[in-house]
């Protein structure tokens, strides 16, 4: 019986430690830590969080700039999913990030579930302004993403397909 209790205690400690160990191995420790933090936030809110990312070949892009892109897209995606969960706690929500090299480009795609009201709002809002009431103090994330991507000669696009919102970033990495 004592051995059984020891094993339970050991497993409980491992679960606690695993919470603080990075879950991701994208080739960029900086981004792995960011993704780990976002994953914990998603788990806490009951949001499915998937990442398929390989950043090993993107050394010429500063970590801070990758962070602006990844952090802002995921933050916006998680916010939308949190709002969906507030409206209906039983609804399934997904945030999914994909990043990889595609023919000389860094390709980043972040997709998330979307409320019906946001589908309509985004289809009518071509400038992609913030939906928050305090527009003076919000809406900088998308502007920052666009600015960073432009600095690297890339492009960013936003789309709505079915009940999913997508942010697509393409940055040339080979000249």
C-alpha atoms as a PDB file:
ATOM      1  CA  UNK A   1       0.000   0.000   0.000  1.00  0.00           C
ATOM      2  CA  UNK A   2       2.829   2.387   0.873  1.00  0.00           C
ATOM      3  CA  UNK A   3       4.488   1.695  -2.479  1.00  0.00           C
ATOM      4  CA  UNK A   4       1.201   2.467  -4.250  1.00  0.00           C
ATOM      5  CA  UNK A   5       0.900   5.815  -2.416  1.00  0.00           C
ATOM      6  CA  UNK A   6       4.490   6.652  -3.291  1.00  0.00           C
ATOM      7  CA  UNK A   7       3.786   5.973  -6.967  1.00  0.00           C
ATOM      8  CA  UNK A   8       0.686   8.196  -6.852  1.00  0.00           C
ATOM      9  CA  UNK A   9       2.687  10.965  -5.169  1.00  0.00           C
ATOM     10  CA  UNK A  10       5.462  10.624  -7.766  1.00  0.00           C
ATOM     11  CA  UNK A  11       3.001  10.788 -10.672  1.00  0.00           C
ATOM     12  CA  UNK A  12       1.281  13.833  -9.172  1.00  0.00           C
ATOM     13  CA  UNK A  13       4.655  15.596  -8.922  1.00  0.00           C
ATOM     14  CA  UNK A  14       5.463  14.701 -12.537  1.00  0.00           C
ATOM     15  CA  UNK A  15       2.159  16.203 -13.699  1.00  0.00           C
ATOM     16  CA  UNK A  16       2.987  19.413 -11.814  1.00  0.00           C
ATOM     17  CA  UNK A  17       6.485  19.525 -13.352  1.00  0.00           C
ATOM     18  CA  UNK A  18       5.189  18.770 -16.844  1.00  0.00           C
ATOM     19  CA  UNK A  19       2.999  21.854 -16.613  1.00  0.00           C
ATOM     20  CA  UNK A  20       6.177  23.938 -16.590  1.00  0.00           C
ATOM     21  CA  UNK A  21       8.105  21.981 -19.209  1.00  0.00           C
ATOM     22  CA  UNK A  22       7.767  23.095 -22.781  1.00  0.00           C
ATOM     23  CA  UNK A  23       5.412  20.941 -24.800  1.00  0.00           C
ATOM     24  CA  UNK A  24       6.751  22.158 -28.133  1.00  0.00           C
ATOM     25  CA  UNK A  25       9.943  21.574 -30.099  1.00  0.00           C
ATOM     26  CA  UNK A  26       9.547  23.942 -33.055  1.00  0.00           C
ATOM     27  CA  UNK A  27      13.253  24.660 -33.459  1.00  0.00           C
ATOM     28  CA  UNK A  28      12.927  28.027 -31.707  1.00  0.00           C
ATOM     29  CA  UNK A  29      13.029  27.959 -27.905  1.00  0.00           C
ATOM     30  CA  UNK A  30      11.657  31.491 -27.674  1.00  0.00           C
ATOM     31  CA  UNK A  31       8.557  30.523 -29.665  1.00  0.00           C
ATOM     32  CA  UNK A  32       8.274  27.172 -27.858  1.00  0.00           C
ATOM     33  CA  UNK A  33       7.932  29.001 -24.543  1.00  0.00           C
ATOM     34  CA  UNK A  34       5.354  31.381 -25.989  1.00  0.00           C
ATOM     35  CA  UNK A  35       3.344  28.470 -27.411  1.00  0.00           C
ATOM     36  CA  UNK A  36       3.541  26.639 -24.099  1.00  0.00           C
ATOM     37  CA  UNK A  37       2.056  29.639 -22.277  1.00  0.00           C
ATOM     38  CA  UNK A  38      -0.746  29.945 -24.841  1.00  0.00           C
ATOM     39  CA  UNK A  39      -1.415  26.202 -24.614  1.00  0.00           C
ATOM     40  CA  UNK A  40      -1.885  26.440 -20.836  1.00  0.00           C
ATOM     41  CA  UNK A  41      -4.298  29.333 -21.322  1.00  0.00           C
ATOM     42  CA  UNK A  42      -6.273  27.331 -23.888  1.00  0.00           C
ATOM     43  CA  UNK A  43      -6.434  24.254 -21.666  1.00  0.00           C
ATOM     44  CA  UNK A  44      -7.681  26.375 -18.760  1.00  0.00           C
ATOM     45  CA  UNK A  45     -10.522  27.702 -20.928  1.00  0.00           C
ATOM     46  CA  UNK A  46     -11.423  24.346 -22.507  1.00  0.00           C
ATOM     47  CA  UNK A  47     -10.163  25.348 -25.958  1.00  0.00           C
ATOM     48  CA  UNK A  48      -8.542  22.810 -28.257  1.00  0.00           C
ATOM     49  CA  UNK A  49      -5.064  24.105 -29.167  1.00  0.00           C
ATOM     50  CA  UNK A  50      -3.065  22.509 -31.982  1.00  0.00           C
ATOM     51  CA  UNK A  51       0.354  23.501 -33.235  1.00  0.00           C
ATOM     52  CA  UNK A  52       2.236  22.166 -36.241  1.00  0.00           C
ATOM     53  CA  UNK A  53       5.283  24.410 -36.422  1.00  0.00           C
ATOM     54  CA  UNK A  54       8.850  24.175 -37.646  1.00  0.00           C
ATOM     55  CA  UNK A  55      10.851  27.376 -37.146  1.00  0.00           C
ATOM     56  CA  UNK A  56      14.317  25.820 -37.574  1.00  0.00           C
ATOM     57  CA  UNK A  57      15.041  27.551 -40.893  1.00  0.00           C
ATOM     58  CA  UNK A  58      14.011  31.082 -39.951  1.00  0.00           C
ATOM     59  CA  UNK A  59      17.056  32.404 -38.099  1.00  0.00           C
ATOM     60  CA  UNK A  60      17.105  35.681 -40.079  1.00  0.00           C
ATOM     61  CA  UNK A  61      13.748  36.698 -38.609  1.00  0.00           C
ATOM     62  CA  UNK A  62      14.174  38.203 -35.154  1.00  0.00           C
ATOM     63  CA  UNK A  63      12.543  36.354 -32.255  1.00  0.00           C
ATOM     64  CA  UNK A  64      10.785  39.551 -31.219  1.00  0.00           C
ATOM     65  CA  UNK A  65       9.197  39.855 -34.657  1.00  0.00           C
ATOM     66  CA  UNK A  66       8.097  36.218 -34.706  1.00  0.00           C
ATOM     67  CA  UNK A  67       6.640  36.802 -31.263  1.00  0.00           C
ATOM     68  CA  UNK A  68       4.618  39.798 -32.492  1.00  0.00           C
ATOM     69  CA  UNK A  69       3.104  37.680 -35.252  1.00  0.00           C
ATOM     70  CA  UNK A  70       2.499  34.492 -33.255  1.00  0.00           C
ATOM     71  CA  UNK A  71       1.428  36.123 -29.995  1.00  0.00           C
ATOM     72  CA  UNK A  72      -1.045  38.550 -31.529  1.00  0.00           C
ATOM     73  CA  UNK A  73      -2.662  35.993 -33.827  1.00  0.00           C
ATOM     74  CA  UNK A  74      -3.046  33.455 -31.032  1.00  0.00           C
ATOM     75  CA  UNK A  75      -4.236  36.059 -28.517  1.00  0.00           C
ATOM     76  CA  UNK A  76      -6.966  37.173 -30.910  1.00  0.00           C
ATOM     77  CA  UNK A  77      -7.916  33.566 -31.640  1.00  0.00           C
ATOM     78  CA  UNK A  78      -8.070  32.647 -27.950  1.00  0.00           C
ATOM     79  CA  UNK A  79     -10.136  35.757 -27.191  1.00  0.00           C
ATOM     80  CA  UNK A  80     -12.712  34.777 -29.794  1.00  0.00           C
ATOM     81  CA  UNK A  81     -12.878  31.234 -28.455  1.00  0.00           C
ATOM     82  CA  UNK A  82     -13.254  32.501 -24.870  1.00  0.00           C
ATOM     83  CA  UNK A  83     -16.195  34.635 -25.997  1.00  0.00           C
ATOM     84  CA  UNK A  84     -17.721  31.622 -27.751  1.00  0.00           C
ATOM     85  CA  UNK A  85     -17.382  29.608 -24.541  1.00  0.00           C
ATOM     86  CA  UNK A  86     -19.027  32.404 -22.529  1.00  0.00           C
ATOM     87  CA  UNK A  87     -22.030  32.296 -24.861  1.00  0.00           C
ATOM     88  CA  UNK A  88     -22.185  28.508 -24.883  1.00  0.00           C
ATOM     89  CA  UNK A  89     -19.865  26.586 -22.526  1.00  0.00           C
ATOM     90  CA  UNK A  90     -20.546  23.320 -24.398  1.00  0.00           C
ATOM     91  CA  UNK A  91     -19.393  24.609 -27.787  1.00  0.00           C
ATOM     92  CA  UNK A  92     -16.189  23.117 -29.177  1.00  0.00           C
ATOM     93  CA  UNK A  93     -13.524  25.687 -30.021  1.00  0.00           C
ATOM     94  CA  UNK A  94     -10.293  25.252 -31.916  1.00  0.00           C
ATOM     95  CA  UNK A  95      -7.172  27.365 -32.288  1.00  0.00           C
ATOM     96  CA  UNK A  96      -4.673  25.931 -34.731  1.00  0.00           C
ATOM     97  CA  UNK A  97      -1.255  27.264 -35.736  1.00  0.00           C
ATOM     98  CA  UNK A  98       0.783  25.967 -38.655  1.00  0.00           C
ATOM     99  CA  UNK A  99       4.217  27.256 -39.603  1.00  0.00           C
ATOM    100  CA  UNK A 100       6.751  25.905 -42.056  1.00  0.00           C
ATOM    101  CA  UNK A 101       8.986  26.686 -44.998  1.00  0.00           C
ATOM    102  CA  UNK A 102       7.193  26.632 -48.337  1.00  0.00           C
ATOM    103  CA  UNK A 103       9.328  27.270 -51.455  1.00  0.00           C
ATOM    104  CA  UNK A 104      11.560  29.982 -49.989  1.00  0.00           C
ATOM    105  CA  UNK A 105       8.904  31.510 -47.752  1.00  0.00           C
ATOM    106  CA  UNK A 106       7.971  31.325 -44.099  1.00  0.00           C
ATOM    107  CA  UNK A 107       4.306  30.394 -44.082  1.00  0.00           C
ATOM    108  CA  UNK A 108       2.295  30.954 -40.912  1.00  0.00           C
ATOM    109  CA  UNK A 109      -1.393  30.105 -40.733  1.00  0.00           C
ATOM    110  CA  UNK A 110      -3.473  30.629 -37.603  1.00  0.00           C
ATOM    111  CA  UNK A 111      -7.083  29.479 -37.650  1.00  0.00           C
ATOM    112  CA  UNK A 112      -9.766  29.677 -35.015  1.00  0.00           C
ATOM    113  CA  UNK A 113     -13.425  28.918 -34.448  1.00  0.00           C
ATOM    114  CA  UNK A 114     -15.703  31.894 -34.918  1.00  0.00           C
ATOM    115  CA  UNK A 115     -19.075  32.981 -33.524  1.00  0.00           C
ATOM    116  CA  UNK A 116     -21.850  33.601 -36.050  1.00  0.00           C
ATOM    117  CA  UNK A 117     -21.973  37.274 -35.061  1.00  0.00           C
ATOM    118  CA  UNK A 118     -18.255  37.604 -35.807  1.00  0.00           C
ATOM    119  CA  UNK A 119     -18.618  35.865 -39.168  1.00  0.00           C
ATOM    120  CA  UNK A 120     -21.104  38.584 -40.189  1.00  0.00           C
ATOM    121  CA  UNK A 121     -19.014  41.388 -38.630  1.00  0.00           C
ATOM    122  CA  UNK A 122     -15.806  40.306 -40.383  1.00  0.00           C
ATOM    123  CA  UNK A 123     -17.476  39.907 -43.748  1.00  0.00           C
ATOM    124  CA  UNK A 124     -18.808  43.489 -43.456  1.00  0.00           C
ATOM    125  CA  UNK A 125     -15.609  44.972 -41.987  1.00  0.00           C
ATOM    126  CA  UNK A 126     -13.021  45.052 -44.774  1.00  0.00           C
ATOM    127  CA  UNK A 127     -10.506  47.042 -42.692  1.00  0.00           C
ATOM    128  CA  UNK A 128     -10.513  44.446 -39.892  1.00  0.00           C
ATOM    129  CA  UNK A 129     -10.964  46.976 -37.108  1.00  0.00           C
ATOM    130  CA  UNK A 130     -11.260  45.811 -33.527  1.00  0.00           C
ATOM    131  CA  UNK A 131     -14.699  44.715 -32.402  1.00  0.00           C
ATOM    132  CA  UNK A 132     -13.975  45.970 -28.874  1.00  0.00           C
ATOM    133  CA  UNK A 133     -15.933  49.029 -27.763  1.00  0.00           C
ATOM    134  CA  UNK A 134     -12.826  51.013 -26.761  1.00  0.00           C
ATOM    135  CA  UNK A 135     -11.363  51.345 -30.257  1.00  0.00           C
ATOM    136  CA  UNK A 136      -8.914  54.048 -29.153  1.00  0.00           C
ATOM    137  CA  UNK A 137      -7.010  51.630 -26.890  1.00  0.00           C
ATOM    138  CA  UNK A 138      -7.445  48.390 -28.863  1.00  0.00           C
ATOM    139  CA  UNK A 139      -6.759  47.055 -32.326  1.00  0.00           C
ATOM    140  CA  UNK A 140      -2.976  47.377 -32.243  1.00  0.00           C
ATOM    141  CA  UNK A 141      -2.289  43.655 -32.618  1.00  0.00           C
ATOM    142  CA  UNK A 142      -3.354  43.442 -36.256  1.00  0.00           C
ATOM    143  CA  UNK A 143      -1.518  46.694 -37.044  1.00  0.00           C
ATOM    144  CA  UNK A 144       1.639  45.334 -35.417  1.00  0.00           C
ATOM    145  CA  UNK A 145       1.389  42.066 -37.358  1.00  0.00           C
ATOM    146  CA  UNK A 146       0.994  43.979 -40.634  1.00  0.00           C
ATOM    147  CA  UNK A 147       3.927  46.254 -39.774  1.00  0.00           C
ATOM    148  CA  UNK A 148       6.323  43.400 -38.938  1.00  0.00           C
ATOM    149  CA  UNK A 149       5.338  41.390 -42.001  1.00  0.00           C
ATOM    150  CA  UNK A 150       5.777  44.470 -44.226  1.00  0.00           C
ATOM    151  CA  UNK A 151       9.262  45.085 -42.756  1.00  0.00           C
ATOM    152  CA  UNK A 152      10.298  41.649 -44.050  1.00  0.00           C
ATOM    153  CA  UNK A 153       8.710  42.169 -47.474  1.00  0.00           C
ATOM    154  CA  UNK A 154       5.918  39.746 -46.743  1.00  0.00           C
ATOM    155  CA  UNK A 155       2.158  39.728 -46.937  1.00  0.00           C
ATOM    156  CA  UNK A 156      -0.628  39.064 -44.471  1.00  0.00           C
ATOM    157  CA  UNK A 157      -4.206  38.192 -45.295  1.00  0.00           C
ATOM    158  CA  UNK A 158      -7.338  37.508 -43.304  1.00  0.00           C
ATOM    159  CA  UNK A 159     -10.272  35.362 -44.334  1.00  0.00           C
ATOM    160  CA  UNK A 160     -13.424  33.734 -43.084  1.00  0.00           C
ATOM    161  CA  UNK A 161     -14.400  30.316 -44.388  1.00  0.00           C
ATOM    162  CA  UNK A 162     -17.414  28.583 -42.926  1.00  0.00           C
ATOM    163  CA  UNK A 163     -17.107  29.107 -39.160  1.00  0.00           C
ATOM    164  CA  UNK A 164     -13.321  29.583 -39.107  1.00  0.00           C
ATOM    165  CA  UNK A 165     -11.206  32.730 -39.171  1.00  0.00           C
ATOM    166  CA  UNK A 166      -7.742  32.546 -40.738  1.00  0.00           C
ATOM    167  CA  UNK A 167      -4.678  34.742 -40.586  1.00  0.00           C
ATOM    168  CA  UNK A 168      -2.141  33.857 -43.258  1.00  0.00           C
ATOM    169  CA  UNK A 169       1.384  35.275 -43.220  1.00  0.00           C
ATOM    170  CA  UNK A 170       3.944  34.775 -45.982  1.00  0.00           C
ATOM    171  CA  UNK A 171       7.490  36.136 -45.534  1.00  0.00           C
ATOM    172  CA  UNK A 172      10.298  35.579 -48.074  1.00  0.00           C
ATOM    173  CA  UNK A 173      13.318  33.946 -46.468  1.00  0.00           C
ATOM    174  CA  UNK A 174      15.510  33.352 -49.503  1.00  0.00           C
ATOM    175  CA  UNK A 175      16.665  36.151 -51.769  1.00  0.00           C
END
